[in-house]
């Protein structure tokens, strides 16, 4: 919070994906037309761990179904990550 209204300096943000999205006026990487060739996101998704797989699934779901459908599903989850059914 605070990046869009100037309360925080986006150039000091630690998350490179957040910086990219805010500077390009995207809500998330799911809106980017360069997603499939983006080295930043592909490096992130290439990391080992369950959460990185789930982040990829979330981006793909939002691209296919939109934020509203994603939020409906996410509201029913028991934990941080669940299924897209």
Protein backbone atom coordinates (compact mmCIF):
# COMPACT_ATOMS: atom_id res chain seq x y z
CA UNK A 1 0.00 0.00 0.00
CA UNK A 2 1.04 3.57 -0.49
CA UNK A 3 2.83 3.18 -3.80
CA UNK A 4 0.06 4.56 -5.98
CA UNK A 5 -0.53 7.67 -3.90
CA UNK A 6 3.17 8.44 -3.41
CA UNK A 7 3.35 7.61 0.30
CA UNK A 8 5.97 4.95 -0.50
CA UNK A 9 8.75 4.98 -3.08
CA UNK A 10 8.13 2.20 -5.61
CA UNK A 11 11.82 2.13 -6.51
CA UNK A 12 12.56 0.93 -2.96
CA UNK A 13 10.09 -1.96 -3.11
CA UNK A 14 11.76 -5.36 -2.70
CA UNK A 15 9.40 -7.29 -4.98
CA UNK A 16 10.56 -6.81 -8.58
CA UNK A 17 7.23 -8.09 -9.91
CA UNK A 18 5.33 -5.52 -7.85
CA UNK A 19 7.57 -2.77 -9.18
CA UNK A 20 7.03 -3.92 -12.76
CA UNK A 21 3.24 -4.18 -12.40
CA UNK A 22 2.84 -0.80 -10.72
CA UNK A 23 5.09 0.97 -13.21
CA UNK A 24 3.16 -0.60 -16.10
CA UNK A 25 -0.21 0.11 -14.43
CA UNK A 26 -1.19 -3.57 -14.03
CA UNK A 27 -2.95 -5.09 -11.04
CA UNK A 28 -0.91 -8.25 -11.47
CA UNK A 29 1.30 -10.10 -13.92
CA UNK A 30 -1.82 -11.76 -15.32
CA UNK A 31 -2.55 -8.57 -17.28
CA UNK A 32 0.84 -8.41 -18.98
CA UNK A 33 0.96 -9.32 -22.68
CA UNK A 34 4.63 -10.28 -22.22
CA UNK A 35 3.94 -12.85 -19.50
CA UNK A 36 5.08 -15.90 -21.46
CA UNK A 37 8.46 -14.34 -22.30
CA UNK A 38 9.04 -12.44 -19.05
CA UNK A 39 12.34 -13.52 -17.52
CA UNK A 40 11.35 -12.11 -14.13
CA UNK A 41 8.18 -14.16 -13.74
CA UNK A 42 9.64 -17.27 -15.38
CA UNK A 43 12.57 -17.21 -12.95
CA UNK A 44 10.11 -16.82 -10.06
CA UNK A 45 7.93 -19.71 -11.26
CA UNK A 46 11.03 -21.85 -11.79
CA UNK A 47 11.84 -21.93 -8.09
CA UNK A 48 11.27 -25.10 -6.12
CA UNK A 49 8.34 -25.14 -3.78
CA UNK A 50 4.63 -25.67 -3.69
CA UNK A 51 3.77 -21.97 -3.43
CA UNK A 52 5.48 -21.10 -6.72
CA UNK A 53 3.32 -23.66 -8.53
CA UNK A 54 0.25 -22.16 -6.88
CA UNK A 55 1.25 -18.62 -7.88
CA UNK A 56 1.50 -19.78 -11.50
CA UNK A 57 -1.92 -21.41 -11.26
CA UNK A 58 -3.40 -18.20 -9.85
CA UNK A 59 -2.03 -16.08 -12.70
CA UNK A 60 -3.28 -18.56 -15.29
CA UNK A 61 -6.70 -18.69 -13.63
CA UNK A 62 -7.04 -14.90 -13.54
CA UNK A 63 -5.99 -14.66 -17.20
CA UNK A 64 -8.64 -17.19 -18.21
CA UNK A 65 -11.47 -16.22 -15.84
CA UNK A 66 -10.86 -12.74 -14.48
CA UNK A 67 -10.31 -11.33 -11.01
CA UNK A 68 -13.94 -11.56 -9.91
CA UNK A 69 -14.09 -15.34 -10.42
CA UNK A 70 -10.70 -15.78 -8.78
CA UNK A 71 -11.82 -13.84 -5.70
CA UNK A 72 -15.03 -15.88 -5.43
CA UNK A 73 -13.00 -19.08 -5.36
CA UNK A 74 -10.32 -17.70 -3.05
CA UNK A 75 -12.96 -16.57 -0.54
CA UNK A 76 -13.94 -20.21 -0.03
CA UNK A 77 -10.41 -21.48 0.64
CA UNK A 78 -9.46 -22.82 4.05
CA UNK A 79 -5.79 -21.85 3.73
CA UNK A 80 -3.54 -19.60 1.69
CA UNK A 81 -3.62 -21.98 -1.29
CA UNK A 82 -6.43 -24.25 -2.39
CA UNK A 83 -7.96 -25.64 -5.57
CA UNK A 84 -9.47 -23.90 -8.58
CA UNK A 85 -12.66 -25.88 -8.79
